[in-house]
PDB file of N, CA and C in Angstrom:
ATOM      1  N   MET A   1       0.731  -1.328  -0.090  1.00  0.00           N
ATOM      2  CA  MET A   1       0.140   0.065  -0.188  1.00  0.00           C
ATOM      3  C   MET A   1       0.938   1.231   0.304  1.00  0.00           C
ATOM      4  N   ALA A   2      -0.097   2.322  -0.685  1.00  0.00           N
ATOM      5  CA  ALA A   2       1.248   3.767  -0.806  1.00  0.00           C
ATOM      6  C   ALA A   2       1.026   4.406   0.349  1.00  0.00           C
ATOM      7  N   THR A   3       2.144   4.543   1.043  1.00  0.00           N
ATOM      8  CA  THR A   3       2.392   5.464   2.211  1.00  0.00           C
ATOM      9  C   THR A   3       1.861   6.954   1.538  1.00  0.00           C
ATOM     10  N   LEU A   4       1.320   7.920   2.941  1.00  0.00           N
ATOM     11  CA  LEU A   4       0.999   8.964   2.574  1.00  0.00           C
ATOM     12  C   LEU A   4       1.790   9.742   1.697  1.00  0.00           C
ATOM     13  N   SER A   5       3.029   9.879   2.396  1.00  0.00           N
ATOM     14  CA  SER A   5       4.014  11.047   1.752  1.00  0.00           C
ATOM     15  C   SER A   5       3.763  10.536  -0.032  1.00  0.00           C
ATOM     16  N   ALA A   6       3.812   9.506  -0.454  1.00  0.00           N
ATOM     17  CA  ALA A   6       4.167   9.017  -1.938  1.00  0.00           C
ATOM     18  C   ALA A   6       2.754   9.389  -2.801  1.00  0.00           C
ATOM     19  N   VAL A   7       1.832   8.819  -1.685  1.00  0.00           N
ATOM     20  CA  VAL A   7       0.795   9.491  -2.259  1.00  0.00           C
ATOM     21  C   VAL A   7      -0.109  11.246  -2.466  1.00  0.00           C
ATOM     22  N   LEU A   8       0.802  12.105  -1.934  1.00  0.00           N
ATOM     23  CA  LEU A   8       0.957  13.124  -1.629  1.00  0.00           C
ATOM     24  C   LEU A   8       1.907  13.880  -2.436  1.00  0.00           C
ATOM     25  N   ASP A   9       3.126  12.922  -2.724  1.00  0.00           N
ATOM     26  CA  ASP A   9       3.963  13.412  -4.162  1.00  0.00           C
ATOM     27  C   ASP A   9       3.459  13.884  -4.732  1.00  0.00           C
ATOM     28  N   TRP A  10       2.509  12.079  -5.471  1.00  0.00           N
ATOM     29  CA  TRP A  10       2.061  12.230  -6.744  1.00  0.00           C
ATOM     30  C   TRP A  10       0.754  13.241  -6.995  1.00  0.00           C
ATOM     31  N   LEU A  11       0.609  13.963  -5.745  1.00  0.00           N
ATOM     32  CA  LEU A  11      -0.901  14.817  -5.860  1.00  0.00           C
ATOM     33  C   LEU A  11      -0.349  16.067  -6.407  1.00  0.00           C
ATOM     34  N   ILE A  12       1.010  16.441  -5.214  1.00  0.00           N
ATOM     35  CA  ILE A  12       1.910  17.457  -6.135  1.00  0.00           C
ATOM     36  C   ILE A  12       2.098  17.762  -6.933  1.00  0.00           C
ATOM     37  N   VAL A  13       2.801  16.399  -7.676  1.00  0.00           N
ATOM     38  CA  VAL A  13       3.194  16.911  -9.006  1.00  0.00           C
ATOM     39  C   VAL A  13       2.211  17.295 -10.309  1.00  0.00           C
ATOM     40  N   SER A  14       1.093  15.575  -9.951  1.00  0.00           N
ATOM     41  CA  SER A  14      -0.183  15.892 -10.928  1.00  0.00           C
ATOM     42  C   SER A  14      -1.092  17.252 -11.350  1.00  0.00           C
ATOM     43  N   LEU A  15      -1.023  18.291 -10.007  1.00  0.00           N
ATOM     44  CA  LEU A  15      -1.486  19.107  -9.708  1.00  0.00           C
ATOM     45  C   LEU A  15      -0.668  20.313 -10.333  1.00  0.00           C
ATOM     46  N   ALA A  16       0.651  20.438  -9.685  1.00  0.00           N
ATOM     47  CA  ALA A  16       1.520  21.213 -11.497  1.00  0.00           C
ATOM     48  C   ALA A  16       2.057  20.716 -12.254  1.00  0.00           C
ATOM     49  N   LEU A  17       1.294  19.524 -12.852  1.00  0.00           N
ATOM     50  CA  LEU A  17       1.331  19.265 -13.967  1.00  0.00           C
ATOM     51  C   LEU A  17       0.405  19.761 -14.681  1.00  0.00           C
ATOM     52  N   GLY A  18      -1.074  19.877 -14.282  1.00  0.00           N
ATOM     53  CA  GLY A  18      -2.351  20.126 -14.162  1.00  0.00           C
ATOM     54  C   GLY A  18      -2.632  21.919 -14.710  1.00  0.00           C
ATOM     55  N   SER A  19      -2.112  22.319 -13.901  1.00  0.00           N
ATOM     56  CA  SER A  19      -1.778  23.687 -13.608  1.00  0.00           C
ATOM     57  C   SER A  19      -0.627  24.237 -14.810  1.00  0.00           C
ATOM     58  N   THR A  20       0.111  23.422 -15.240  1.00  0.00           N
ATOM     59  CA  THR A  20       0.615  24.063 -16.717  1.00  0.00           C
ATOM     60  C   THR A  20      -0.404  23.765 -17.590  1.00  0.00           C
ATOM     61  N   LEU A  21      -1.128  22.952 -17.956  1.00  0.00           N
ATOM     62  CA  LEU A  21      -1.542  22.506 -18.438  1.00  0.00           C
ATOM     63  C   LEU A  21      -2.812  23.816 -19.503  1.00  0.00           C
ATOM     64  N   VAL A  22      -3.703  23.679 -17.958  1.00  0.00           N
ATOM     65  CA  VAL A  22      -4.757  24.761 -17.937  1.00  0.00           C
ATOM     66  C   VAL A  22      -4.298  26.062 -18.451  1.00  0.00           C
ATOM     67  N   GLY A  23      -2.837  26.556 -17.826  1.00  0.00           N
ATOM     68  CA  GLY A  23      -2.736  27.646 -18.377  1.00  0.00           C
ATOM     69  C   GLY A  23      -2.073  28.168 -19.565  1.00  0.00           C
ATOM     70  N   SER A  24      -1.433  26.619 -20.157  1.00  0.00           N
ATOM     71  CA  SER A  24      -1.351  26.789 -21.746  1.00  0.00           C
ATOM     72  C   SER A  24      -2.741  27.401 -22.513  1.00  0.00           C
ATOM     73  N   TYR A  25      -3.382  26.675 -21.896  1.00  0.00           N
ATOM     74  CA  TYR A  25      -4.863  26.911 -21.997  1.00  0.00           C
ATOM     75  C   TYR A  25      -5.195  28.320 -22.072  1.00  0.00           C
ATOM     76  N   VAL A  26      -5.390  29.167 -21.289  1.00  0.00           N
ATOM     77  CA  VAL A  26      -6.080  30.136 -21.051  1.00  0.00           C
ATOM     78  C   VAL A  26      -4.664  31.080 -21.198  1.00  0.00           C
ATOM     79  N   GLY A  27      -3.639  30.930 -22.040  1.00  0.00           N
ATOM     80  CA  GLY A  27      -2.670  31.717 -22.258  1.00  0.00           C
ATOM     81  C   GLY A  27      -2.983  31.618 -24.031  1.00  0.00           C
ATOM     82  N   TYR A  28      -3.049  30.358 -24.382  1.00  0.00           N
ATOM     83  CA  TYR A  28      -3.346  30.201 -25.727  1.00  0.00           C
ATOM     84  C   TYR A  28      -5.089  30.682 -25.939  1.00  0.00           C
ATOM     85  N   GLN A  29      -5.638  30.798 -25.084  1.00  0.00           N
ATOM     86  CA  GLN A  29      -7.260  31.519 -25.425  1.00  0.00           C
ATOM     87  C   GLN A  29      -7.426  33.730 -25.223  1.00  0.00           C
ATOM     88  N   ALA A  30      -6.369  33.454 -24.248  1.00  0.00           N
ATOM     89  CA  ALA A  30      -6.289  35.184 -24.775  1.00  0.00           C
ATOM     90  C   ALA A  30      -5.516  35.787 -26.029  1.00  0.00           C
ATOM     91  N   TYR A  31      -4.186  34.756 -26.108  1.00  0.00           N
ATOM     92  CA  TYR A  31      -3.691  35.279 -27.605  1.00  0.00           C
ATOM     93  C   TYR A  31      -4.899  35.318 -28.120  1.00  0.00           C
ATOM     94  N   ARG A  32      -5.444  33.901 -28.733  1.00  0.00           N
ATOM     95  CA  ARG A  32      -6.856  33.978 -29.818  1.00  0.00           C
ATOM     96  C   ARG A  32      -7.819  35.156 -29.677  1.00  0.00           C
ATOM     97  N   GLY A  33      -7.631  35.926 -28.468  1.00  0.00           N
ATOM     98  CA  GLY A  33      -8.154  37.163 -28.319  1.00  0.00           C
ATOM     99  C   GLY A  33      -7.785  38.362 -29.247  1.00  0.00           C
ATOM    100  N   TYR A  34      -6.654  38.540 -28.409  1.00  0.00           N
ATOM    101  CA  TYR A  34      -4.949  39.314 -28.979  1.00  0.00           C
ATOM    102  C   TYR A  34      -5.700  39.825 -30.912  1.00  0.00           C
ATOM    103  N   ARG A  35      -5.046  38.041 -31.077  1.00  0.00           N
ATOM    104  CA  ARG A  35      -5.372  38.197 -32.817  1.00  0.00           C
ATOM    105  C   ARG A  35      -6.235  38.434 -33.379  1.00  0.00           C
ATOM    106  N   ARG A  36      -7.522  38.418 -32.890  1.00  0.00           N
ATOM    107  CA  ARG A  36      -8.961  39.057 -33.218  1.00  0.00           C
ATOM    108  C   ARG A  36      -9.228  40.398 -33.308  1.00  0.00           C
ATOM    109  N   HIS A  37      -8.414  41.182 -32.189  1.00  0.00           N
ATOM    110  CA  HIS A  37      -9.036  42.365 -31.759  1.00  0.00           C
ATOM    111  C   HIS A  37      -8.125  42.863 -32.284  1.00  0.00           C
ATOM    112  N   ASP A  38      -6.166  42.864 -32.571  1.00  0.00           N
ATOM    113  CA  ASP A  38      -5.451  42.911 -32.835  1.00  0.00           C
ATOM    114  C   ASP A  38      -5.102  44.280 -32.133  1.00  0.00           C
ATOM    115  N   SER A  39      -5.320  44.396 -31.100  1.00  0.00           N
ATOM    116  CA  SER A  39      -5.353  46.099 -30.201  1.00  0.00           C
ATOM    117  C   SER A  39      -3.600  45.339 -28.906  1.00  0.00           C
ATOM    118  N   ARG A  40      -2.616  46.713 -28.365  1.00  0.00           N
ATOM    119  CA  ARG A  40      -2.082  46.628 -27.727  1.00  0.00           C
ATOM    120  C   ARG A  40      -2.318  46.381 -26.364  1.00  0.00           C
ATOM    121  N   THR A  41      -3.050  46.237 -25.997  1.00  0.00           N
ATOM    122  CA  THR A  41      -3.485  45.954 -24.951  1.00  0.00           C
ATOM    123  C   THR A  41      -3.620  44.173 -24.565  1.00  0.00           C
ATOM    124  N   MET A  42      -4.144  43.891 -25.090  1.00  0.00           N
ATOM    125  CA  MET A  42      -4.909  42.849 -25.076  1.00  0.00           C
ATOM    126  C   MET A  42      -3.767  41.420 -25.664  1.00  0.00           C
ATOM    127  N   ARG A  43      -2.244  42.131 -26.336  1.00  0.00           N
ATOM    128  CA  ARG A  43      -1.026  41.504 -26.647  1.00  0.00           C
ATOM    129  C   ARG A  43      -0.367  41.830 -25.441  1.00  0.00           C
ATOM    130  N   ALA A  44      -1.064  43.292 -24.414  1.00  0.00           N
ATOM    131  CA  ALA A  44      -0.220  42.973 -22.979  1.00  0.00           C
ATOM    132  C   ALA A  44      -0.513  41.936 -22.075  1.00  0.00           C
ATOM    133  N   LEU A  45      -1.934  41.560 -22.391  1.00  0.00           N
ATOM    134  CA  LEU A  45      -2.982  40.216 -21.465  1.00  0.00           C
ATOM    135  C   LEU A  45      -2.253  39.424 -21.593  1.00  0.00           C
ATOM    136  N   SER A  46      -2.271  38.545 -23.257  1.00  0.00           N
ATOM    137  CA  SER A  46      -2.525  37.203 -23.025  1.00  0.00           C
ATOM    138  C   SER A  46      -0.599  37.365 -23.406  1.00  0.00           C
ATOM    139  N   ALA A  47       0.371  38.268 -23.193  1.00  0.00           N
ATOM    140  CA  ALA A  47       1.970  37.754 -22.551  1.00  0.00           C
ATOM    141  C   ALA A  47       1.720  37.653 -21.139  1.00  0.00           C
ATOM    142  N   GLY A  48       0.859  38.412 -20.837  1.00  0.00           N
ATOM    143  CA  GLY A  48       1.523  38.253 -19.237  1.00  0.00           C
ATOM    144  C   GLY A  48       0.379  37.241 -18.655  1.00  0.00           C
ATOM    145  N   LEU A  49      -0.235  36.547 -19.370  1.00  0.00           N
ATOM    146  CA  LEU A  49      -1.232  35.324 -18.298  1.00  0.00           C
ATOM    147  C   LEU A  49      -1.099  34.006 -18.837  1.00  0.00           C
ATOM    148  N   PHE A  50      -0.205  34.126 -20.244  1.00  0.00           N
ATOM    149  CA  PHE A  50       0.474  32.921 -20.670  1.00  0.00           C
ATOM    150  C   PHE A  50       2.196  32.743 -19.315  1.00  0.00           C
ATOM    151  N   PHE A  51       2.330  34.344 -19.188  1.00  0.00           N
ATOM    152  CA  PHE A  51       3.919  34.276 -18.295  1.00  0.00           C
ATOM    153  C   PHE A  51       3.499  33.754 -17.137  1.00  0.00           C
ATOM    154  N   LEU A  52       2.530  34.642 -16.547  1.00  0.00           N
ATOM    155  CA  LEU A  52       1.802  34.308 -15.087  1.00  0.00           C
ATOM    156  C   LEU A  52       1.224  32.672 -14.787  1.00  0.00           C
ATOM    157  N   THR A  53       0.721  31.522 -15.851  1.00  0.00           N
ATOM    158  CA  THR A  53       0.813  30.183 -15.614  1.00  0.00           C
ATOM    159  C   THR A  53       0.995  29.662 -16.512  1.00  0.00           C
ATOM    160  N   ALA A  54       1.567  29.694 -17.552  1.00  0.00           N
ATOM    161  CA  ALA A  54       1.911  28.284 -18.296  1.00  0.00           C
ATOM    162  C   ALA A  54       3.414  28.718 -17.708  1.00  0.00           C
ATOM    163  N   VAL A  55       4.492  29.534 -18.385  1.00  0.00           N
ATOM    164  CA  VAL A  55       5.881  29.689 -18.197  1.00  0.00           C
ATOM    165  C   VAL A  55       6.423  29.664 -16.919  1.00  0.00           C
ATOM    166  N   ALA A  56       5.172  30.228 -15.479  1.00  0.00           N
ATOM    167  CA  ALA A  56       5.678  29.967 -14.209  1.00  0.00           C
ATOM    168  C   ALA A  56       5.477  28.682 -13.821  1.00  0.00           C
ATOM    169  N   PHE A  57       4.516  27.981 -13.965  1.00  0.00           N
ATOM    170  CA  PHE A  57       3.424  27.060 -13.372  1.00  0.00           C
ATOM    171  C   PHE A  57       4.732  25.639 -14.662  1.00  0.00           C
ATOM    172  N   GLY A  58       5.316  25.681 -15.875  1.00  0.00           N
ATOM    173  CA  GLY A  58       5.837  25.007 -16.493  1.00  0.00           C
ATOM    174  C   GLY A  58       7.674  25.225 -15.948  1.00  0.00           C
ATOM    175  N   VAL A  59       7.805  26.144 -15.905  1.00  0.00           N
ATOM    176  CA  VAL A  59       9.046  26.385 -14.773  1.00  0.00           C
ATOM    177  C   VAL A  59       9.506  25.748 -13.733  1.00  0.00           C
ATOM    178  N   ALA A  60       8.489  25.384 -13.280  1.00  0.00           N
ATOM    179  CA  ALA A  60       8.826  25.292 -11.373  1.00  0.00           C
ATOM    180  C   ALA A  60       8.198  24.035 -11.216  1.00  0.00           C
ATOM    181  N   PHE A  61       7.119  23.402 -12.776  1.00  0.00           N
ATOM    182  CA  PHE A  61       6.747  21.927 -12.280  1.00  0.00           C
ATOM    183  C   PHE A  61       8.099  20.805 -13.061  1.00  0.00           C
ATOM    184  N   VAL A  62       8.729  21.734 -14.216  1.00  0.00           N
ATOM    185  CA  VAL A  62       9.228  20.921 -14.569  1.00  0.00           C
ATOM    186  C   VAL A  62      11.309  21.281 -13.542  1.00  0.00           C
ATOM    187  N   GLY A  63      11.044  22.034 -13.218  1.00  0.00           N
ATOM    188  CA  GLY A  63      12.127  22.651 -11.827  1.00  0.00           C
ATOM    189  C   GLY A  63      12.156  21.630 -10.954  1.00  0.00           C
ATOM    190  N   SER A  64      11.153  20.815 -10.473  1.00  0.00           N
ATOM    191  CA  SER A  64      10.496  20.362  -9.046  1.00  0.00           C
ATOM    192  C   SER A  64      10.588  19.079  -9.302  1.00  0.00           C
ATOM    193  N   VAL A  65      10.342  18.366 -10.726  1.00  0.00           N
ATOM    194  CA  VAL A  65      10.870  16.952 -11.624  1.00  0.00           C
ATOM    195  C   VAL A  65      12.389  16.726 -11.805  1.00  0.00           C
ATOM    196  N   LEU A  66      13.217  17.888 -12.213  1.00  0.00           N
ATOM    197  CA  LEU A  66      14.515  17.384 -11.978  1.00  0.00           C
ATOM    198  C   LEU A  66      15.277  17.475 -10.800  1.00  0.00           C
ATOM    199  N   LEU A  67      14.793  18.475  -9.815  1.00  0.00           N
ATOM    200  CA  LEU A  67      15.111  18.005  -8.370  1.00  0.00           C
ATOM    201  C   LEU A  67      15.114  16.619  -8.123  1.00  0.00           C
ATOM    202  N   ARG A  68      13.344  16.962  -7.874  1.00  0.00           N
ATOM    203  CA  ARG A  68      12.589  15.262  -7.096  1.00  0.00           C
ATOM    204  C   ARG A  68      13.978  14.038  -7.231  1.00  0.00           C
ATOM    205  N   GLN A  69      14.033  13.607  -9.065  1.00  0.00           N
ATOM    206  CA  GLN A  69      15.003  12.844  -9.365  1.00  0.00           C
ATOM    207  C   GLN A  69      16.303  13.175  -9.837  1.00  0.00           C
ATOM    208  N   GLY A  70      16.585  14.072  -8.807  1.00  0.00           N
ATOM    209  CA  GLY A  70      18.525  14.203  -8.765  1.00  0.00           C
ATOM    210  C   GLY A  70      19.137  14.231  -9.733  1.00  0.00           C
ATOM    211  N   TYR A  71      18.469  14.699 -10.877  1.00  0.00           N
ATOM    212  CA  TYR A  71      19.409  15.038 -12.144  1.00  0.00           C
ATOM    213  C   TYR A  71      20.028  16.350 -12.273  1.00  0.00           C
ATOM    214  N   ILE A  72      19.577  17.153 -11.420  1.00  0.00           N
ATOM    215  CA  ILE A  72      20.106  18.502 -11.068  1.00  0.00           C
ATOM    216  C   ILE A  72      20.019  18.845  -9.136  1.00  0.00           C
ATOM    217  N   GLY A  73      21.278  18.865  -8.496  1.00  0.00           N
ATOM    218  CA  GLY A  73      21.296  19.267  -7.817  1.00  0.00           C
ATOM    219  C   GLY A  73      20.994  20.093  -7.110  1.00  0.00           C
ATOM    220  N   LEU A  74      20.342  20.159  -5.718  1.00  0.00           N
ATOM    221  CA  LEU A  74      20.107  21.149  -4.346  1.00  0.00           C
ATOM    222  C   LEU A  74      20.539  22.385  -5.115  1.00  0.00           C
ATOM    223  N   GLN A  75      21.786  22.810  -5.143  1.00  0.00           N
ATOM    224  CA  GLN A  75      22.040  24.404  -5.099  1.00  0.00           C
ATOM    225  C   GLN A  75      21.109  24.933  -6.682  1.00  0.00           C
ATOM    226  N   TYR A  76      20.120  24.314  -7.529  1.00  0.00           N
ATOM    227  CA  TYR A  76      19.832  24.648  -8.249  1.00  0.00           C
ATOM    228  C   TYR A  76      17.850  25.362  -7.359  1.00  0.00           C
ATOM    229  N   GLN A  77      18.016  25.329  -6.416  1.00  0.00           N
ATOM    230  CA  GLN A  77      16.448  25.777  -6.496  1.00  0.00           C
ATOM    231  C   GLN A  77      16.216  26.856  -5.862  1.00  0.00           C
ATOM    232  N   GLN A  78      17.426  26.850  -5.443  1.00  0.00           N
ATOM    233  CA  GLN A  78      16.681  28.826  -5.313  1.00  0.00           C
ATOM    234  C   GLN A  78      16.548  29.580  -7.120  1.00  0.00           C
ATOM    235  N   PRO A  79      17.832  28.940  -7.591  1.00  0.00           N
ATOM    236  CA  PRO A  79      17.692  30.017  -9.028  1.00  0.00           C
ATOM    237  C   PRO A  79      16.362  29.569  -9.566  1.00  0.00           C
ATOM    238  N   LEU A  80      16.341  28.527  -9.344  1.00  0.00           N
ATOM    239  CA  LEU A  80      14.667  28.103  -9.890  1.00  0.00           C
ATOM    240  C   LEU A  80      13.181  28.927  -9.683  1.00  0.00           C
ATOM    241  N   THR A  81      13.617  28.781  -8.252  1.00  0.00           N
ATOM    242  CA  THR A  81      13.063  29.680  -7.545  1.00  0.00           C
ATOM    243  C   THR A  81      12.520  30.935  -8.043  1.00  0.00           C
ATOM    244  N   LEU A  82      13.547  31.298  -8.494  1.00  0.00           N
ATOM    245  CA  LEU A  82      13.754  33.000  -8.428  1.00  0.00           C
ATOM    246  C   LEU A  82      13.732  33.043 -10.318  1.00  0.00           C
ATOM    247  N   VAL A  83      13.337  32.507 -10.999  1.00  0.00           N
ATOM    248  CA  VAL A  83      13.309  32.273 -12.046  1.00  0.00           C
ATOM    249  C   VAL A  83      11.832  32.416 -12.408  1.00  0.00           C
ATOM    250  N   THR A  84      11.014  31.226 -11.472  1.00  0.00           N
ATOM    251  CA  THR A  84      10.197  31.516 -11.813  1.00  0.00           C
ATOM    252  C   THR A  84       8.894  32.249 -10.778  1.00  0.00           C
ATOM    253  N   ARG A  85       9.261  33.567 -10.202  1.00  0.00           N
ATOM    254  CA  ARG A  85       9.069  34.630  -9.292  1.00  0.00           C
ATOM    255  C   ARG A  85       8.938  35.924  -9.879  1.00  0.00           C
ATOM    256  N   LEU A  86      10.390  35.619 -11.134  1.00  0.00           N
ATOM    257  CA  LEU A  86      10.482  36.605 -12.156  1.00  0.00           C
ATOM    258  C   LEU A  86       9.627  36.348 -13.370  1.00  0.00           C
ATOM    259  N   PHE A  87       9.424  35.384 -13.504  1.00  0.00           N
ATOM    260  CA  PHE A  87       8.015  34.757 -14.842  1.00  0.00           C
ATOM    261  C   PHE A  87       6.802  35.416 -13.914  1.00  0.00           C
ATOM    262  N   GLN A  88       6.285  35.039 -12.808  1.00  0.00           N
ATOM    263  CA  GLN A  88       5.317  35.403 -12.794  1.00  0.00           C
ATOM    264  C   GLN A  88       4.549  36.809 -12.328  1.00  0.00           C
ATOM    265  N   PHE A  89       6.038  37.301 -11.808  1.00  0.00           N
ATOM    266  CA  PHE A  89       5.885  39.073 -11.417  1.00  0.00           C
ATOM    267  C   PHE A  89       5.682  39.523 -12.947  1.00  0.00           C
ATOM    268  N   CYS A  90       6.421  39.484 -13.929  1.00  0.00           N
ATOM    269  CA  CYS A  90       6.133  39.788 -15.409  1.00  0.00           C
ATOM    270  C   CYS A  90       5.308  39.600 -15.984  1.00  0.00           C
ATOM    271  N   GLY A  91       4.889  38.211 -15.712  1.00  0.00           N
ATOM    272  CA  GLY A  91       3.427  38.642 -15.765  1.00  0.00           C
ATOM    273  C   GLY A  91       1.876  39.113 -15.417  1.00  0.00           C
ATOM    274  N   VAL A  92       2.253  39.292 -13.910  1.00  0.00           N
ATOM    275  CA  VAL A  92       1.984  40.154 -13.762  1.00  0.00           C
ATOM    276  C   VAL A  92       2.004  41.938 -13.663  1.00  0.00           C
ATOM    277  N   VAL A  93       2.787  42.296 -14.151  1.00  0.00           N
ATOM    278  CA  VAL A  93       2.948  43.748 -14.466  1.00  0.00           C
ATOM    279  C   VAL A  93       2.911  43.241 -15.573  1.00  0.00           C
ATOM    280  N   LEU A  94       2.746  42.875 -16.400  1.00  0.00           N
ATOM    281  CA  LEU A  94       1.948  42.870 -18.037  1.00  0.00           C
ATOM    282  C   LEU A  94       0.378  42.961 -17.906  1.00  0.00           C
ATOM    283  N   ILE A  95      -0.140  41.685 -16.902  1.00  0.00           N
ATOM    284  CA  ILE A  95      -1.716  42.071 -16.367  1.00  0.00           C
ATOM    285  C   ILE A  95      -2.092  43.394 -16.487  1.00  0.00           C
ATOM    286  N   ALA A  96      -1.161  44.327 -15.856  1.00  0.00           N
ATOM    287  CA  ALA A  96      -1.823  45.484 -14.854  1.00  0.00           C
ATOM    288  C   ALA A  96      -1.289  46.009 -16.175  1.00  0.00           C
ATOM    289  N   TYR A  97      -0.815  46.221 -16.802  1.00  0.00           N
ATOM    290  CA  TYR A  97      -0.630  47.629 -17.897  1.00  0.00           C
ATOM    291  C   TYR A  97      -1.640  46.977 -18.956  1.00  0.00           C
ATOM    292  N   SER A  98      -2.023  46.068 -19.415  1.00  0.00           N
ATOM    293  CA  SER A  98      -3.324  45.882 -19.699  1.00  0.00           C
ATOM    294  C   SER A  98      -3.978  46.599 -19.230  1.00  0.00           C
ATOM    295  N   LEU A  99      -4.931  46.167 -18.232  1.00  0.00           N
ATOM    296  CA  LEU A  99      -5.558  47.051 -18.061  1.00  0.00           C
ATOM    297  C   LEU A  99      -5.769  48.683 -17.135  1.00  0.00           C
ATOM    298  N   HIS A 100      -4.102  48.994 -18.101  1.00  0.00           N
ATOM    299  CA  HIS A 100      -4.648  50.525 -17.225  1.00  0.00           C
ATOM    300  C   HIS A 100      -3.754  51.357 -19.024  1.00  0.00           C
ATOM    301  N   SER A 101      -3.919  50.667 -20.000  1.00  0.00           N
ATOM    302  CA  SER A 101      -3.339  51.290 -21.155  1.00  0.00           C
ATOM    303  C   SER A 101      -4.503  51.520 -21.798  1.00  0.00           C
ATOM    304  N   ARG A 102      -4.277  52.299 -22.647  1.00  0.00           N
ATOM    305  CA  ARG A 102      -5.811  52.593 -23.570  1.00  0.00           C
ATOM    306  C   ARG A 102      -4.920  52.100 -25.305  1.00  0.00           C
ATOM    307  N   GLY A 103      -5.610  51.655 -25.562  1.00  0.00           N
ATOM    308  CA  GLY A 103      -5.449  51.297 -27.007  1.00  0.00           C
ATOM    309  C   GLY A 103      -5.726  49.815 -27.383  1.00  0.00           C
TER     310      GLY A 103
END
C-alpha cells in the first residue's frame, strides 16, 4: 500500500502538471483574443497570462521534477524559484499594464 507521503508527492506533481496545462490553455485563449482584436492591450494581457500561468508553472513543474529525480542538485533550487517568481512578476506587470493602457 502506498504511503501518505507517496500519495501526496503524486498529488503535488499532478496538480503542478495540471496547472501548467490549464495555464497554457488560458494563455492560448488570450492570444486568440489578441489576434481577433489586434490591440496592444490584448497582446499585453495574453503575454501576461501566459507568463503568469503556463511559463511560471512550467518552470516550477520541470524544475521540481528535475530536483526530485536528482538530475540537478539542490544548489539550483533557489535559482529555479527566482526564475519562476520572475515570470510571475512579469506576468502580473503585463496584466496590470493591459488594464491601465488605452489602445
